[in-house]
Amino acid sequence: MSFFDDENVNLDVLKRKAYNLRWAEVEEGVIPLTAADPDFPCPPMVKQAMLDYISDGYFSYTPKTGFDDFKIALSNYVKDLKNENIPAKNVLPVDSAARAMYIVAKAFLKPGDEMIVFDPCDFLFRESCLAAGATPVYYSCGIDEKKRKMDLSKLESCITEKTKMIGLCNPHNPYGLTYTKEELDYIMSLCEKYDLYIMNDEIWSDIVYPDAKFESIYCLGNERCHRVMSVFGYSKSFGLAGLRVGCVYTTNDDAFDKLVEASDVMSTAGGATSISQVAAIAAMNDSRDWGKEFIKHLTENRDYAVNFINNNIPQLHAYRPKATYLLYVDIKDLNCTAVELVDFLKKEVKLSVVPGGHNYFGNQSEGHVRICIATSKGILHEGLNRLKLGVEKFVSQKG
């Protein structure tokens, strides 16, 4: 029996606990293929580690910059999976990858500064920049579907004397792309030329498909990566969103001190809880086989979903992701906004997906929707059947 068989999705529990556009927030009967959060329970090793930790009933303060076991586990995990050489002492657990992005922005941006934010991209790059009082400058990163890569040719034109940082989402959400070493070298060369920091979001770096390769920016060598502030989390790959745990790390000792200062952990106002750190440690140390099985399941889901959409719904085109469990789907042939289609699908066929547009991914994502496939085969198949029916109804009513 697999951890990812259909019967392991407990809808009764999800309807009580899964918020943020998911089962606990949608009307009865609606299938939410929305937020990037698995429908499966977390690895049993993580659950057991938490049960063991709480058994004595003590929940004392943690060390201000986190448990040493967490730091060591992260250093080993990124070395084994991504060949990153990160000193354990420069790892800071915090309350989510999202918080880590805000900490990076707060540490290195100030009012009047500019940060280059790719469009489309996860909205948290924009929001963390704004929270620091800086100004996001959007780079419209078109995609070459045949080569499956982004166009970086005009990136340098976005840089001004006010630019202080580039946001790098690798793997990229929502495109599902990984960067090549050559692309990373080009981005790094611009940062070296103009003395820019890099906010390096790698939360999707352990959800990479077998037919793809992930290159971390650290493949360029630690001596070039002193300007890189990396973000990682455990919500996507291990289903720990509700535990609010992530981390930020760097090879740069002075930069790490700035991250610690910006995080408020020294006053105990910030940081990750003891139980969330314990869970993350178990995820990194003990759940790797579970993670491999998850990738196998996601690969089957990806291949089915992409083929189903592209072969059965002629008005839509699904990009085949190299990473993430998100499908970025082009709906431009329907001649409507993403919100129009999303509202129609929810009302007419009880399917919920995420609309493109400014709120989630930036203006360049208009004309697209995003579909999460981190669910059972049964739920995914039913959701895609509803998508097909919904598009047919939409076309019929508009025609």
Protein backbone atom coordinates (compact mmCIF):
# COMPACT_ATOMS: atom_id res chain seq x y z
CA MET A 1 0.00 0.00 0.00
CA SER A 2 1.25 3.49 -0.86
CA PHE A 3 1.14 6.60 1.30
CA PHE A 4 -0.55 8.20 -1.70
CA ASP A 5 -3.41 5.82 -2.42
CA ASP A 6 -6.83 7.43 -2.81
CA GLU A 7 -8.05 6.20 0.58
CA ASN A 8 -5.31 8.15 2.36
CA VAL A 9 -7.04 11.44 1.56
CA ASN A 10 -9.37 12.07 4.49
CA LEU A 11 -11.97 14.55 3.25
CA ASP A 12 -13.72 14.73 6.63
CA VAL A 13 -10.50 16.02 8.19
CA LEU A 14 -9.67 18.31 5.28
CA LYS A 15 -13.11 19.93 5.45
CA ARG A 16 -12.36 20.81 9.08
CA LYS A 17 -8.71 21.80 8.81
CA ALA A 18 -7.70 22.78 5.25
CA TYR A 19 -8.15 26.55 4.86
CA ASN A 20 -6.61 29.12 2.47
CA LEU A 21 -8.93 28.53 -0.52
CA ARG A 22 -9.17 24.82 0.23
CA TRP A 23 -11.67 22.26 1.56
CA ALA A 24 -12.65 24.09 4.76
CA GLU A 25 -13.47 27.30 2.87
CA VAL A 26 -15.31 26.14 -0.24
CA GLU A 27 -18.98 25.24 -0.44
CA GLU A 28 -20.01 21.61 0.00
CA GLY A 29 -19.36 19.61 -3.15
CA VAL A 30 -16.68 21.92 -4.57
CA ILE A 31 -13.30 20.36 -5.43
CA PRO A 32 -10.51 22.86 -4.64
CA LEU A 33 -7.42 22.38 -6.81
CA THR A 34 -6.17 25.67 -5.44
CA ALA A 35 -3.54 26.47 -2.80
CA ALA A 36 -0.19 24.67 -2.98
CA ASP A 37 -0.86 22.36 -0.05
CA PRO A 38 -1.09 18.55 -0.34
CA ASP A 39 -4.34 16.68 0.36
CA PHE A 40 -2.32 13.90 1.99
CA PRO A 41 -1.32 13.74 5.67
CA CYS A 42 2.27 14.57 6.59
CA PRO A 43 4.90 11.81 6.70
CA PRO A 44 4.25 9.39 9.59
CA MET A 45 7.84 9.94 10.78
CA VAL A 46 7.01 13.61 11.32
CA LYS A 47 3.85 12.80 13.23
CA GLN A 48 5.72 10.35 15.46
CA ALA A 49 8.51 12.84 16.17
CA MET A 50 5.96 15.40 17.33
CA LEU A 51 4.16 12.84 19.51
CA ASP A 52 7.46 11.85 21.11
CA TYR A 53 8.37 15.48 21.77
CA ILE A 54 5.08 16.44 23.42
CA SER A 55 4.88 13.29 25.57
CA ASP A 56 6.55 14.88 28.61
CA GLY A 57 4.36 17.98 28.47
CA TYR A 58 7.19 20.54 28.40
CA PHE A 59 7.23 23.39 25.87
CA SER A 60 10.10 25.59 26.99
CA TYR A 61 11.82 28.34 25.03
CA THR A 62 14.08 27.24 22.21
CA PRO A 63 17.56 28.67 21.60
CA LYS A 64 17.03 32.11 20.11
CA THR A 65 18.44 31.19 16.70
CA GLY A 66 16.96 27.70 16.69
CA PHE A 67 17.87 24.15 17.65
CA ASP A 68 21.33 23.00 16.57
CA ASP A 69 19.71 19.79 15.31
CA PHE A 70 17.59 21.87 12.92
CA LYS A 71 20.61 23.74 11.59
CA ILE A 72 22.60 20.55 11.08
CA ALA A 73 19.64 18.78 9.45
CA LEU A 74 19.14 21.64 6.97
CA SER A 75 22.83 21.79 6.13
CA ASN A 76 22.88 18.03 5.47
CA TYR A 77 19.59 18.06 3.56
CA VAL A 78 20.57 20.76 1.06
CA LYS A 79 24.00 19.17 0.64
CA ASP A 80 22.53 15.75 -0.15
CA LEU A 81 19.67 16.94 -2.36
CA LYS A 82 21.09 20.06 -4.01
CA ASN A 83 24.85 19.93 -3.44
CA GLU A 84 24.74 23.17 -1.47
CA ASN A 85 27.53 23.72 1.06
CA ILE A 86 25.84 25.78 3.76
CA PRO A 87 27.43 26.24 7.20
CA ALA A 88 24.98 25.00 9.84
CA LYS A 89 25.73 28.07 11.94
CA ASN A 90 24.26 30.27 9.19
CA VAL A 91 20.83 28.62 9.21
CA LEU A 92 17.94 30.40 10.93
CA PRO A 93 14.59 28.62 11.47
CA VAL A 94 11.63 31.00 11.32
CA ASP A 95 7.86 30.80 11.21
CA SER A 96 7.42 29.92 7.49
CA ALA A 97 9.22 30.50 4.22
CA ALA A 98 6.94 33.50 3.69
CA ARG A 99 8.29 35.07 6.89
CA ALA A 100 11.82 34.34 5.70
CA MET A 101 11.17 36.39 2.56
CA TYR A 102 9.95 39.32 4.67
CA ILE A 103 13.07 39.02 6.85
CA VAL A 104 15.38 39.14 3.83
CA ALA A 105 13.60 42.21 2.49
CA LYS A 106 13.64 43.94 5.89
CA ALA A 107 17.36 43.20 6.35
CA PHE A 108 18.56 44.53 2.99
CA LEU A 109 15.96 46.96 1.63
CA LYS A 110 14.88 50.38 2.82
CA PRO A 111 12.38 53.00 1.59
CA GLY A 112 13.50 54.35 -1.77
CA ASP A 113 15.22 51.12 -2.80
CA GLU A 114 14.01 48.99 -5.70
CA MET A 115 13.73 45.23 -6.03
CA ILE A 116 13.30 43.42 -9.34
CA VAL A 117 10.31 41.09 -9.17
CA PHE A 118 9.62 38.69 -12.01
CA ASP A 119 6.13 38.83 -13.52
CA PRO A 120 4.57 36.35 -13.29
CA CYS A 121 5.83 35.06 -9.96
CA ASP A 122 4.58 34.30 -6.47
CA PHE A 123 3.01 37.41 -4.92
CA LEU A 124 5.16 37.14 -1.79
CA PHE A 125 8.13 38.66 -3.61
CA ARG A 126 6.08 41.80 -4.23
CA GLU A 127 4.56 41.86 -0.77
CA SER A 128 7.83 41.37 1.11
CA CYS A 129 9.38 44.18 -0.91
CA LEU A 130 6.48 46.51 -0.16
CA ALA A 131 6.56 45.59 3.54
CA ALA A 132 10.16 46.83 3.68
CA GLY A 133 9.06 50.15 2.18
CA ALA A 134 10.85 49.46 -1.10
CA THR A 135 9.45 49.56 -4.63
CA PRO A 136 8.96 46.44 -6.77
CA VAL A 137 10.07 46.83 -10.38
CA TYR A 138 8.40 44.18 -12.51
CA TYR A 139 10.27 42.23 -15.15
CA SER A 140 7.93 40.61 -17.67
CA CYS A 141 9.56 37.22 -18.05
CA GLY A 142 7.99 35.65 -21.09
CA ILE A 143 8.32 31.93 -21.62
CA ASP A 144 9.62 30.04 -24.64
CA GLU A 145 7.37 26.98 -24.62
CA LYS A 146 9.50 24.91 -27.03
CA LYS A 147 12.74 25.50 -25.15
CA ARG A 148 10.93 25.59 -21.79
CA LYS A 149 12.90 28.56 -20.52
CA MET A 150 12.31 32.18 -19.62
CA ASP A 151 13.46 35.16 -21.60
CA LEU A 152 16.06 37.02 -19.53
CA SER A 153 17.33 39.18 -22.40
CA LYS A 154 15.87 42.44 -21.09
CA LEU A 155 16.47 41.87 -17.38
CA GLU A 156 19.40 44.29 -17.19
CA SER A 157 17.23 47.12 -18.52
CA CYS A 158 15.22 47.01 -15.28
CA ILE A 159 18.24 47.86 -13.13
CA THR A 160 18.60 51.45 -11.95
CA GLU A 161 20.79 53.19 -9.38
CA LYS A 162 18.04 52.45 -6.85
CA THR A 163 18.02 48.68 -7.46
CA LYS A 164 19.30 46.71 -4.49
CA MET A 165 17.91 43.19 -4.96
CA ILE A 166 16.64 40.63 -7.48
CA GLY A 167 14.02 38.10 -6.50
CA LEU A 168 14.80 34.58 -7.74
CA CYS A 169 12.11 31.90 -7.53
CA ASN A 170 13.85 28.61 -8.33
CA PRO A 171 12.01 26.43 -9.22
CA HIS A 172 9.62 29.01 -10.57
CA ASN A 173 6.03 29.36 -9.39
CA PRO A 174 3.78 29.40 -11.45
CA TYR A 175 5.76 28.36 -14.55
CA GLY A 176 7.13 25.20 -12.95
CA LEU A 177 10.52 25.85 -14.55
CA THR A 178 14.01 25.26 -13.20
CA TYR A 179 16.91 27.53 -14.13
CA THR A 180 19.97 26.33 -16.02
CA LYS A 181 23.47 26.96 -14.73
CA GLU A 182 23.96 29.43 -17.60
CA GLU A 183 20.84 31.39 -16.62
CA LEU A 184 21.91 31.50 -12.99
CA ASP A 185 25.38 32.64 -14.03
CA TYR A 186 23.86 35.47 -16.05
CA ILE A 187 21.68 36.62 -13.14
CA MET A 188 24.65 36.42 -10.78
CA SER A 189 26.84 38.39 -13.21
CA LEU A 190 24.28 41.23 -13.18
CA CYS A 191 24.23 41.20 -9.39
CA GLU A 192 28.03 41.33 -9.31
CA LYS A 193 28.11 44.14 -11.87
CA TYR A 194 25.59 46.28 -9.99
CA ASP A 195 26.24 45.06 -6.42
CA LEU A 196 22.80 43.54 -5.82
CA TYR A 197 21.52 41.01 -3.30
CA ILE A 198 19.52 37.96 -4.36
CA MET A 199 16.41 36.79 -2.53
CA ASN A 200 16.65 33.12 -3.48
CA ASP A 201 13.37 31.25 -2.87
CA GLU A 202 13.99 27.49 -3.13
CA ILE A 203 10.83 26.25 -1.41
CA TRP A 204 10.03 24.08 -4.45
CA SER A 205 13.55 22.68 -4.87
CA ASP A 206 12.70 19.19 -3.60
CA ILE A 207 9.63 18.88 -5.86
CA VAL A 208 11.49 18.27 -9.12
CA TYR A 209 10.40 15.66 -11.67
CA PRO A 210 12.62 12.76 -12.79
CA ASP A 211 12.85 14.11 -16.34
CA ALA A 212 14.21 17.46 -15.13
CA LYS A 213 17.27 18.76 -13.32
CA PHE A 214 17.47 21.32 -10.55
CA GLU A 215 20.48 23.62 -10.44
CA SER A 216 20.84 25.72 -7.31
CA ILE A 217 22.49 29.09 -7.61
CA TYR A 218 25.16 27.65 -5.31
CA CYS A 219 26.36 25.58 -8.28
CA LEU A 220 28.28 28.78 -9.15
CA GLY A 221 30.44 28.30 -6.07
CA ASN A 222 30.19 29.71 -2.56
CA GLU A 223 32.78 32.38 -3.30
CA ARG A 224 30.27 34.04 -5.66
CA CYS A 225 27.22 33.50 -3.43
CA HIS A 226 27.96 35.85 -0.53
CA ARG A 227 25.14 38.10 -1.83
CA VAL A 228 22.57 35.24 -1.84
CA MET A 229 19.95 34.98 0.92
CA SER A 230 18.10 31.68 0.56
CA VAL A 231 14.60 30.77 1.69
CA PHE A 232 13.26 27.26 2.25
CA GLY A 233 10.16 25.72 3.80
CA TYR A 234 8.27 22.53 4.56
CA SER A 235 4.70 23.25 3.51
CA LYS A 236 5.01 22.14 -0.12
CA SER A 237 7.06 18.97 0.13
CA PHE A 238 5.91 17.70 3.54
CA GLY A 239 2.45 19.21 4.12
CA LEU A 240 3.41 21.26 7.19
CA ALA A 241 1.82 24.60 6.26
CA GLY A 242 -0.13 24.82 9.52
CA LEU A 243 3.00 24.37 11.62
CA ARG A 244 4.41 27.64 10.21
CA VAL A 245 8.03 26.61 9.79
CA GLY A 246 10.67 27.60 7.28
CA CYS A 247 14.19 28.95 7.31
CA VAL A 248 16.60 31.45 5.81
CA TYR A 249 20.27 30.71 5.24
CA THR A 250 23.38 32.21 3.69
CA THR A 251 27.10 31.56 3.32
CA ASN A 252 27.83 35.16 4.40
CA ASP A 253 28.51 35.54 8.15
CA ASP A 254 27.90 39.32 8.22
CA ALA A 255 24.70 38.96 6.21
CA PHE A 256 23.51 36.24 8.58
CA ASP A 257 23.88 38.66 11.50
CA LYS A 258 21.65 41.12 9.64
CA LEU A 259 19.07 38.41 9.03
CA VAL A 260 19.05 37.53 12.72
CA GLU A 261 18.57 41.19 13.64
CA ALA A 262 15.71 41.60 11.17
CA SER A 263 14.00 38.41 12.35
CA ASP A 264 13.37 39.60 15.94
CA VAL A 265 14.42 36.21 17.30
CA MET A 266 16.84 37.77 19.81
CA SER A 267 13.92 39.43 21.60
CA THR A 268 11.87 36.18 21.32
CA ALA A 269 9.28 38.05 19.23
CA GLY A 270 10.22 35.99 16.17
CA GLY A 271 11.34 32.48 15.36
CA ALA A 272 9.93 29.01 14.87
CA THR A 273 8.23 27.07 17.66
CA SER A 274 9.89 24.05 19.25
CA ILE A 275 7.31 21.60 17.88
CA SER A 276 7.57 23.00 14.35
CA GLN A 277 11.36 22.66 14.42
CA VAL A 278 11.04 19.07 15.63
CA ALA A 279 8.67 18.33 12.74
CA ALA A 280 11.02 19.90 10.20
CA ILE A 281 13.98 17.93 11.56
CA ALA A 282 12.07 14.68 11.15
CA ALA A 283 11.02 15.71 7.65
CA MET A 284 14.61 16.34 6.59
CA ASN A 285 16.25 13.44 8.41
CA ASP A 286 13.69 10.64 8.33
CA SER A 287 11.17 11.28 5.53
CA ARG A 288 13.26 11.14 2.36
CA ASP A 289 11.83 7.82 1.17
CA TRP A 290 8.34 9.24 1.72
CA GLY A 291 9.40 12.23 -0.36
CA LYS A 292 10.59 10.01 -3.21
CA GLU A 293 7.25 8.22 -3.23
CA PHE A 294 5.48 11.57 -3.28
CA ILE A 295 7.46 12.59 -6.37
CA LYS A 296 6.50 9.32 -8.07
CA HIS A 297 2.83 9.99 -7.37
CA LEU A 298 3.09 13.60 -8.54
CA THR A 299 4.81 12.55 -11.75
CA GLU A 300 1.89 10.28 -12.58
CA ASN A 301 -0.56 13.06 -11.74
CA ARG A 302 1.37 15.61 -13.81
CA ASP A 303 1.54 13.42 -16.87
CA TYR A 304 -2.13 12.50 -16.67
CA ALA A 305 -3.29 16.09 -16.10
CA VAL A 306 -1.17 17.70 -18.83
CA ASN A 307 -2.17 15.06 -21.38
CA PHE A 308 -5.84 15.24 -20.39
CA ILE A 309 -6.05 19.02 -20.73
CA ASN A 310 -4.05 19.27 -23.94
CA ASN A 311 -5.85 16.35 -25.63
CA ASN A 312 -9.41 16.93 -24.41
CA ILE A 313 -9.89 20.68 -23.89
CA PRO A 314 -8.79 22.39 -27.13
CA GLN A 315 -9.36 25.91 -25.77
CA LEU A 316 -6.76 25.40 -23.00
CA HIS A 317 -3.04 24.67 -23.01
CA ALA A 318 -1.24 23.25 -19.97
CA TYR A 319 2.50 23.79 -19.66
CA ARG A 320 4.34 20.64 -18.54
CA PRO A 321 6.14 21.63 -15.32
CA LYS A 322 9.67 20.50 -14.58
CA ALA A 323 9.08 21.14 -10.89
CA THR A 324 6.29 22.05 -8.40
CA TYR A 325 2.92 20.32 -8.34
CA LEU A 326 1.24 23.23 -10.07
CA LEU A 327 -0.06 23.41 -13.62
CA TYR A 328 0.02 26.79 -15.35
CA VAL A 329 -2.79 26.71 -17.89
CA ASP A 330 -3.28 29.16 -20.77
CA ILE A 331 -6.97 30.09 -21.23
CA LYS A 332 -6.54 32.98 -23.70
CA ASP A 333 -8.52 31.23 -26.45
CA LEU A 334 -11.63 31.59 -24.29
CA ASN A 335 -11.43 35.41 -24.61
CA CYS A 336 -12.24 36.04 -20.97
CA THR A 337 -10.47 37.05 -17.81
CA ALA A 338 -9.14 34.43 -15.47
CA VAL A 339 -11.54 35.54 -12.74
CA GLU A 340 -14.50 35.16 -15.11
CA LEU A 341 -13.62 31.56 -15.84
CA VAL A 342 -12.78 30.73 -12.22
CA ASP A 343 -16.11 32.12 -10.99
CA PHE A 344 -17.97 30.21 -13.71
CA LEU A 345 -16.28 26.91 -12.90
CA LYS A 346 -17.04 27.23 -9.21
CA LYS A 347 -20.69 28.06 -9.80
CA GLU A 348 -21.48 25.72 -12.70
CA VAL A 349 -19.36 22.60 -12.09
CA LYS A 350 -18.15 23.01 -8.50
CA LEU A 351 -14.46 23.23 -9.30
CA SER A 352 -12.16 25.82 -7.76
CA VAL A 353 -8.80 26.82 -9.26
CA VAL A 354 -6.56 29.90 -8.82
CA PRO A 355 -6.93 32.77 -11.30
CA GLY A 356 -3.98 34.50 -12.86
CA GLY A 357 -3.72 38.27 -12.54
CA HIS A 358 -2.14 40.87 -10.29
CA ASN A 359 -3.29 39.52 -6.92
CA TYR A 360 -1.52 36.18 -7.05
CA PHE A 361 1.20 36.20 -9.70
CA GLY A 362 1.33 39.60 -11.41
CA ASN A 363 -0.31 41.20 -14.42
CA GLN A 364 1.47 38.98 -16.95
CA SER A 365 -0.38 35.94 -15.58
CA GLU A 366 -3.75 37.24 -16.78
CA GLY A 367 -5.20 34.78 -19.28
CA HIS A 368 -4.05 31.82 -17.18
CA VAL A 369 -5.22 29.73 -14.26
CA ARG A 370 -3.16 27.60 -11.87
CA ILE A 371 -4.18 24.10 -10.88
CA CYS A 372 -2.75 22.16 -7.91
CA ILE A 373 -2.30 18.41 -8.56
CA ALA A 374 -1.11 17.36 -5.06
CA THR A 375 -4.14 15.21 -4.43
CA SER A 376 -5.37 11.67 -5.04
CA LYS A 377 -5.78 10.30 -8.52
CA GLY A 378 -9.52 10.00 -7.97
CA ILE A 379 -9.98 13.63 -6.93
CA LEU A 380 -7.69 14.87 -9.70
CA HIS A 381 -9.51 12.87 -12.39
CA GLU A 382 -12.91 14.10 -11.21
CA GLY A 383 -11.61 17.68 -11.04
CA LEU A 384 -10.29 17.52 -14.60
CA ASN A 385 -13.56 16.03 -15.86
CA ARG A 386 -15.32 18.99 -14.26
CA LEU A 387 -12.84 21.36 -15.91
CA LYS A 388 -13.66 19.86 -19.31
CA LEU A 389 -17.40 20.07 -18.69
CA GLY A 390 -17.08 23.61 -17.35
CA VAL A 391 -15.14 24.87 -20.37
CA GLU A 392 -17.67 23.24 -22.71
CA LYS A 393 -20.52 24.97 -20.86
CA PHE A 394 -18.64 28.26 -20.86
CA VAL A 395 -18.03 28.11 -24.62
CA SER A 396 -21.64 27.11 -25.27
CA GLN A 397 -23.07 29.99 -23.22
CA LYS A 398 -20.72 32.55 -24.78
CA GLY A 399 -21.22 31.26 -28.31
